Amino acid sequence: MADIIVTINDVRLAGHCVAGCRDWFEQNSLDFRTFLKPVEKGGGLPASVLLAVPDNGLAVQVIDRKMARENG
């Protein structure tokens, strides 16, 4: 199975705010500016990258909700 790309829209649809997401990215040394770009321009991040973060509760929730939306 291909690694899904998670975007800021997925974060919003999961009920999280952009400011909180930005803080989480900073705390975990992830590039928030790149994450904000459109996927066509290299934005978003693979789910595997987000799940590799030790404090990945936010990532798990966002990915689970994205998968539920996509799988109906």
Protein backbone atom coordinates (compact mmCIF):
# COMPACT_ATOMS: atom_id res chain seq x y z
CA MET A 1 0.00 0.00 0.00
CA ALA A 2 1.28 3.46 -0.87
CA ASP A 3 2.07 5.88 1.91
CA ILE A 4 -0.74 8.44 2.15
CA ILE A 5 0.08 12.13 2.09
CA VAL A 6 -1.33 14.12 4.99
CA THR A 7 -2.07 17.83 4.45
CA ILE A 8 -3.11 20.81 6.52
CA ASN A 9 -6.66 20.26 5.24
CA ASP A 10 -6.62 16.80 6.82
CA VAL A 11 -5.57 18.40 10.11
CA ARG A 12 -8.46 20.87 9.91
CA LEU A 13 -10.97 18.16 8.97
CA ALA A 14 -9.84 16.19 12.03
CA GLY A 15 -10.82 19.16 14.20
CA HIS A 16 -7.37 20.52 15.00
CA CYS A 17 -6.34 24.15 14.67
CA VAL A 18 -3.48 25.34 12.51
CA ALA A 19 -1.73 27.04 15.45
CA GLY A 20 -1.72 23.84 17.49
CA CYS A 21 -0.48 21.88 14.50
CA ARG A 22 2.33 24.40 13.97
CA ASP A 23 3.37 24.04 17.61
CA TRP A 24 3.36 20.24 17.29
CA PHE A 25 5.55 20.48 14.17
CA GLU A 26 8.00 22.79 15.96
CA GLN A 27 8.16 20.53 19.02
CA ASN A 28 8.96 17.58 16.78
CA SER A 29 11.42 19.34 14.42
CA LEU A 30 9.20 18.99 11.34
CA ASP A 31 9.04 21.54 8.52
CA PHE A 32 5.65 23.24 8.86
CA ARG A 33 6.16 25.58 5.88
CA THR A 34 6.64 22.66 3.53
CA PHE A 35 3.63 20.90 5.06
CA LEU A 36 1.45 23.92 4.21
CA LYS A 37 2.28 23.85 0.49
CA PRO A 38 -0.12 22.23 -1.96
CA VAL A 39 0.66 18.56 -2.60
CA GLU A 40 1.39 19.38 -6.24
CA LYS A 41 4.23 21.61 -5.04
CA GLY A 42 5.71 19.09 -2.62
CA GLY A 43 3.49 19.93 0.33
CA GLY A 44 2.03 17.67 2.95
CA LEU A 45 3.97 14.82 4.52
CA PRO A 46 3.79 11.04 4.20
CA ALA A 47 1.89 9.39 7.03
CA SER A 48 4.96 7.28 7.82
CA VAL A 49 6.98 10.42 8.62
CA LEU A 50 4.31 11.72 11.00
CA LEU A 51 3.84 8.34 12.67
CA ALA A 52 7.60 8.07 13.27
CA VAL A 53 7.41 11.02 15.69
CA PRO A 54 7.56 9.77 19.30
CA ASP A 55 4.68 12.05 20.40
CA ASN A 56 2.42 11.03 17.51
CA GLY A 57 -1.06 11.23 19.04
CA LEU A 58 -2.06 14.12 16.78
CA ALA A 59 -0.75 12.27 13.72
CA VAL A 60 -2.59 9.06 14.57
CA GLN A 61 -5.87 10.91 14.99
CA VAL A 62 -5.51 12.90 11.75
CA ILE A 63 -4.48 9.84 9.74
CA ASP A 64 -7.27 7.68 11.17
CA ARG A 65 -9.87 10.30 10.26
CA LYS A 66 -8.40 10.77 6.77
CA MET A 67 -8.51 7.04 6.13
CA ALA A 68 -12.09 6.81 7.41
CA ARG A 69 -13.15 9.62 5.03
CA GLU A 70 -11.41 8.01 2.08
CA ASN A 71 -12.72 4.52 2.79
CA GLY A 72 -16.28 5.64 3.38
